[in-house]
Amino acid sequence: MVRQFFTDVLWPPLDYLLIDTPPGTSDEHISLAETLLQQTSAPASSISSGISPPTQLAGAVIVTTPQAVAVSDVRKELSFCRKVGIRVLGVIENMSGYVCECCGEETKLFGKGGGEVMASEFGVEFLGKVSVESEQEDDEKSDDSDKLEQYNDESGNGPTYEEDDGLLVDKYRSCSLHGTFEGITRQLVEIIQRR
């Protein structure tokens, strides 16, 4: 399915195409890596479908949580990327802490520093830490189930979400993590452009 998504879609000019995968080095990861490496190294004229997929593979961003068991699993992903020839752009430590919205004190729920230590050991960039988000804008606190509209048409399609104005990224500009993600994104763009 990933191969079809990558090769049979008429992609418009893209800045970046991000593919989020679950942790691990399963058959899906192997298949995805093979497809990406094959498609991004093939000359455009050799692609039989006539559809032009993205032609560059910038690399992988590895995300871990700080606890030892997660870092241990993610080490395998880093080794996998190196083995198959995918450049590791950097490591992000997710759920690095919880900042209490009342007092501002940060609690390290899952330990601390595992992602940063791993990045250093592998000689890759450490892109940053992402805390657990608790702050929500008032309009985001409402139950999203009111946006879920059940319907059955002739095709038998199930639930769908109503159209919503604006881009998803625009909804998070007031999120407390906006600056964190913006900083990580800026670092990634610089790393890719230095290439």
Protein backbone atom coordinates (compact mmCIF):
# COMPACT_ATOMS: atom_id res chain seq x y z
CA MET A 1 0.00 0.00 0.00
CA VAL A 2 2.84 2.41 0.83
CA ARG A 3 4.49 1.65 -2.51
CA GLN A 4 1.23 2.42 -4.30
CA PHE A 5 0.76 5.63 -2.30
CA PHE A 6 4.26 6.73 -3.16
CA THR A 7 4.34 5.73 -6.84
CA ASP A 8 0.73 6.04 -8.06
CA VAL A 9 -0.11 9.49 -6.71
CA LEU A 10 0.33 12.50 -8.97
CA TRP A 11 2.33 14.58 -6.51
CA PRO A 12 2.34 18.34 -6.96
CA PRO A 13 5.64 20.10 -6.32
CA LEU A 14 6.40 19.44 -2.66
CA ASP A 15 8.61 21.12 -0.13
CA TYR A 16 8.69 17.96 2.00
CA LEU A 17 6.76 14.73 2.24
CA LEU A 18 6.73 13.32 5.77
CA ILE A 19 5.97 9.67 6.40
CA ASP A 20 5.24 8.79 10.02
CA THR A 21 5.81 5.15 10.95
CA PRO A 22 5.31 3.32 14.22
CA PRO A 23 8.42 2.28 16.15
CA GLY A 24 10.26 -0.79 15.01
CA THR A 25 12.07 -2.41 12.12
CA SER A 26 9.28 -4.64 10.82
CA ASP A 27 8.60 -5.85 7.28
CA GLU A 28 6.69 -2.61 6.68
CA HIS A 29 9.76 -0.55 7.52
CA ILE A 30 11.94 -2.70 5.28
CA SER A 31 9.45 -2.39 2.43
CA LEU A 32 9.15 1.37 2.91
CA ALA A 33 12.93 1.81 2.99
CA GLU A 34 13.35 -0.26 -0.18
CA THR A 35 10.61 1.67 -1.97
CA LEU A 36 11.97 5.07 -0.93
CA LEU A 37 15.52 4.20 -1.87
CA GLN A 38 14.46 2.70 -5.20
CA GLN A 39 12.10 5.51 -6.18
CA THR A 40 14.33 8.37 -5.10
CA SER A 41 17.38 7.01 -6.88
CA ALA A 42 15.61 6.09 -10.15
CA PRO A 43 15.86 8.60 -13.00
CA ALA A 44 12.47 10.21 -13.64
CA SER A 45 12.38 8.75 -17.17
CA SER A 46 12.69 5.20 -15.84
CA ILE A 47 9.53 5.39 -13.73
CA SER A 48 7.07 3.32 -15.72
CA SER A 49 3.81 4.87 -14.51
CA GLY A 50 4.59 8.31 -15.90
CA ILE A 51 3.79 9.77 -12.49
CA SER A 52 6.63 11.63 -10.81
CA PRO A 53 7.00 10.84 -7.12
CA PRO A 54 9.27 12.95 -4.93
CA THR A 55 12.83 12.48 -6.16
CA GLN A 56 14.93 13.07 -3.06
CA LEU A 57 15.18 11.19 0.19
CA ALA A 58 16.43 13.69 2.76
CA GLY A 59 16.57 11.16 5.59
CA ALA A 60 14.88 9.95 8.74
CA VAL A 61 13.96 11.75 11.93
CA ILE A 62 14.05 9.36 14.86
CA VAL A 63 11.63 9.95 17.74
CA THR A 64 12.00 8.31 21.14
CA THR A 65 10.78 8.78 24.66
CA PRO A 66 13.41 9.14 27.39
CA GLN A 67 13.01 5.81 29.19
CA ALA A 68 15.61 3.09 28.69
CA VAL A 69 13.28 0.50 27.11
CA ALA A 70 12.16 2.95 24.42
CA VAL A 71 15.71 4.13 23.72
CA SER A 72 16.78 0.49 23.40
CA ASP A 73 14.16 -0.12 20.70
CA VAL A 74 14.96 3.11 18.90
CA ARG A 75 18.67 2.23 18.78
CA LYS A 76 17.62 -0.61 16.47
CA GLU A 77 15.88 1.90 14.20
CA LEU A 78 19.00 4.05 14.03
CA SER A 79 21.10 0.99 13.19
CA PHE A 80 18.50 -0.06 10.60
CA CYS A 81 18.65 3.35 8.89
CA ARG A 82 22.41 3.21 8.73
CA LYS A 83 22.40 -0.36 7.43
CA VAL A 84 20.02 0.42 4.56
CA GLY A 85 21.69 3.74 3.73
CA ILE A 86 19.10 6.22 4.99
CA ARG A 87 20.67 9.30 6.53
CA VAL A 88 19.52 10.04 10.08
CA LEU A 89 18.74 13.76 10.24
CA GLY A 90 18.37 13.79 14.00
CA VAL A 91 16.66 12.56 17.15
CA ILE A 92 13.68 14.07 18.97
CA GLU A 93 12.88 13.14 22.56
CA ASN A 94 9.09 13.07 22.91
CA MET A 95 7.27 13.15 26.26
CA SER A 96 10.41 14.50 27.89
CA GLY A 97 8.45 15.95 30.78
CA TYR A 98 5.12 17.30 31.93
CA VAL A 99 4.85 20.97 32.81
CA CYS A 100 2.11 21.64 35.35
CA GLU A 101 -0.18 24.34 34.00
CA CYS A 102 -0.87 25.60 37.55
CA CYS A 103 2.61 25.98 39.03
CA GLY A 104 4.89 25.60 35.98
CA GLU A 105 6.95 22.83 37.60
CA GLU A 106 8.26 20.20 35.21
CA THR A 107 8.05 16.53 36.15
CA LYS A 108 10.09 13.94 34.29
CA LEU A 109 7.44 11.21 33.93
CA PHE A 110 9.57 8.84 31.87
CA GLY A 111 13.09 9.67 32.98
CA LYS A 112 15.27 12.21 31.27
CA GLY A 113 17.90 12.59 28.62
CA GLY A 114 17.69 9.18 26.95
CA GLY A 115 17.19 10.63 23.48
CA GLU A 116 19.96 13.16 23.85
CA VAL A 117 22.44 10.54 25.09
CA MET A 118 21.51 8.18 22.26
CA ALA A 119 21.94 10.92 19.64
CA SER A 120 25.38 11.71 21.03
CA GLU A 121 26.39 8.02 21.02
CA PHE A 122 25.35 7.67 17.37
CA GLY A 123 26.88 10.98 16.34
CA VAL A 124 23.64 12.49 15.05
CA GLU A 125 21.97 15.83 15.77
CA PHE A 126 19.76 16.10 18.83
CA LEU A 127 16.83 18.18 17.58
CA GLY A 128 15.06 18.81 20.87
CA LYS A 129 12.73 17.73 23.61
CA VAL A 130 8.95 17.80 23.39
CA SER A 131 7.03 17.94 26.65
CA VAL A 132 3.61 16.44 27.22
CA GLU A 133 1.05 19.06 26.20
CA SER A 134 -1.67 19.90 28.68
CA GLU A 135 -2.61 23.43 27.72
CA GLN A 136 -5.56 23.79 25.34
CA GLU A 137 -7.34 26.82 24.02
CA ASP A 138 -10.95 27.14 25.17
CA ASP A 139 -12.34 26.25 21.75
CA GLU A 140 -10.15 23.13 21.68
CA LYS A 141 -11.48 21.88 25.04
CA SER A 142 -14.83 21.03 23.54
CA ASP A 143 -15.53 17.43 22.73
CA ASP A 144 -14.56 16.78 19.12
CA SER A 145 -17.31 14.18 18.81
CA ASP A 146 -19.69 16.95 17.72
CA LYS A 147 -17.58 17.23 14.56
CA LEU A 148 -18.08 13.59 13.75
CA GLU A 149 -20.94 13.20 11.35
CA GLN A 150 -22.24 9.67 10.78
CA TYR A 151 -23.64 8.92 7.37
CA ASN A 152 -24.15 6.06 5.00
CA ASP A 153 -24.32 6.77 1.32
CA GLU A 154 -24.65 4.35 -1.58
CA SER A 155 -20.95 3.52 -1.40
CA GLY A 156 -21.30 2.32 2.20
CA ASN A 157 -18.76 4.79 3.53
CA GLY A 158 -18.85 5.15 7.28
CA PRO A 159 -18.06 8.11 9.52
CA THR A 160 -16.53 11.29 8.17
CA TYR A 161 -15.45 14.59 9.64
CA GLU A 162 -17.20 17.76 8.59
CA GLU A 163 -15.22 20.24 6.57
CA ASP A 164 -13.27 22.59 8.80
CA ASP A 165 -11.93 25.99 7.80
CA GLY A 166 -8.19 26.51 7.70
CA LEU A 167 -5.09 24.38 7.65
CA LEU A 168 -4.33 21.96 10.47
CA VAL A 169 -0.98 23.63 11.10
CA ASP A 170 -2.70 26.98 11.65
CA LYS A 171 -4.72 25.56 14.53
CA TYR A 172 -1.58 24.99 16.57
CA ARG A 173 0.01 28.42 16.37
CA SER A 174 -1.33 29.24 19.86
CA CYS A 175 -0.33 25.85 21.30
CA SER A 176 2.35 26.01 23.99
CA LEU A 177 4.50 23.61 21.93
CA HIS A 178 4.39 25.74 18.79
CA GLY A 179 7.81 27.27 19.48
CA THR A 180 9.31 23.84 20.16
CA PHE A 181 8.06 22.39 16.89
CA GLU A 182 9.01 25.53 14.99
CA GLY A 183 12.57 25.27 16.33
CA ILE A 184 12.83 21.59 15.43
CA THR A 185 11.47 22.27 11.94
CA ARG A 186 13.94 25.12 11.43
CA GLN A 187 16.84 22.83 12.44
CA LEU A 188 15.66 20.10 10.06
CA VAL A 189 15.39 22.48 7.12
CA GLU A 190 18.92 23.75 7.82
CA ILE A 191 20.29 20.19 8.07
CA ILE A 192 18.63 19.21 4.79
CA GLN A 193 19.82 22.34 3.00
CA ARG A 194 23.43 21.85 4.20
CA ARG A 195 23.48 18.55 2.39
